[in-house]
Amino acid sequence: MYVHLCTAFYFVIVLALESSWSLPYHELIGLWTLGSLMVGVAALPAGMLSDKIGASNMMVLFFVGMGISAIGAGFTDTPLALAFCLTGLGVFAAIYHPVGIPWLVRRSVKAPGKALGLNGVFGSFGTAGAGLTAGLLIDTFNWRWAFIVPGTVSLLTGIVLLGLLGSDRLKDAWVEQKREETESKRDMVRAFGILLVTMFLAGLVYHVVQTSLPKVFAERHNGLLGEGAAGVGVLVAIVYATAGVMQYVGGYLADRFPIKVVYLATILIQVPALWLAASFAGLPLVFVAMFIVMSGATQLPAENMLLARFTPKNRHGTAFGLKFVLSFGAAPLAVQFVAAVNARTQGFFLVFAIAAGLGAISFAAATFLPNSKAVQAR
């Protein structure tokens, strides 16, 4: 929840910075480029460091580092200083996925699947809460507090975790996994190559939507919830909170139907929704945005199950590490893409139209995945 909140709140804060610093949107949104790059690039080094100093210690570093970076951003007065703090935020945010998710699995002896599903729901709530929290703090105080308050909460959480490091509750416990069906080596190689493409494109579409949505709502919500930042934040929160529970639905479907079919269906739903979002406004835009984000959330369990199925068990860490590098590595490209297209066209029609094209390419690539039976629910 923390990592999604602290890597998404800037997309609302930037709306207030436009007037406060009298700088154009495309220039300000570009300040997050290096930070978003670090979320992906630093993932593998973070996982390697975790093997040396322990996951618990790395999680303390995650909370404390993100907190200090966010608080520092709240006290900046220049774009260069803000970019520096946002880069630090990205570096420390990179710790969570390669360290926190395996740590959660080791701690969840009885029901790791349920724990990961609940973790995914809270991740979506963090993304939803980012817009709402930032919008309320901006309208109540100013943009600085939208950085400082979440940063303080993260810092305090890290301090509490540090105090608990000696507790037995933080010791890892291993889960004995049931034996899964094996796939042929040829299918594994083919599927892994295809998944590299589809995971990257899915990450690119996700980050394009996440980057654009607050600004699109600000321009096109037609006064649904007022004209302040809080109104935009509420709309973003509604979209991502509604989508949050869909990871459970996606897991349910992938347990009971062919995983490839579920994966293809969730990708396909996004394509017309992205095309409609290019020109819709008001309430129709909100509903279409829900479909875009919900289909992406529903896609994740099937994607993870396919990745686990078509990679050897002794390479799961590497495979999922590559997934996070691709997914988060797409973020800076998405930010620069949105900034460049918006600067050229002064709008978002082309942004969403191109995203729809990327979704269509992803669907076409996924059709070449080998067929794989559904994994029976445990």
Foldseek 3Di string as FASTA:
>chain_A
DLLLLLLQLVLLLLVQCCVVVVDDSLVLLLLLLLLLLLLQVLQVVLLVVCVVPNLLVLLLQLLQQLLVLLLQLLPDDDSVSNSVSSNSNSNSSSNCPLRVLVLQQQLCAPCSPVSVLVVQLVSLLSNLVNQQLQQVCCVVPRNSVSRNVSSVVSNVVSVVSVVCVPPPSSDTHHYDDDDDDADDLVLLVLQLVLLLLLLLLLLLLVLLCSSCQLVQQLVFQVQPPHNGSNSSSNLSSVLSNLLSNLLVVLLVCLQPFWLLVLLLVLLVQQLVLLLVCLDDGHPVNSVSSSSNSNSSSSNVVSSLVSQCRSDDPVCSSVSVSSSSSSNSSSNSVSSNVNSVVCVVPVGCNVVSNVSSVSSVVSSVSSVPRDTDGRNHDD
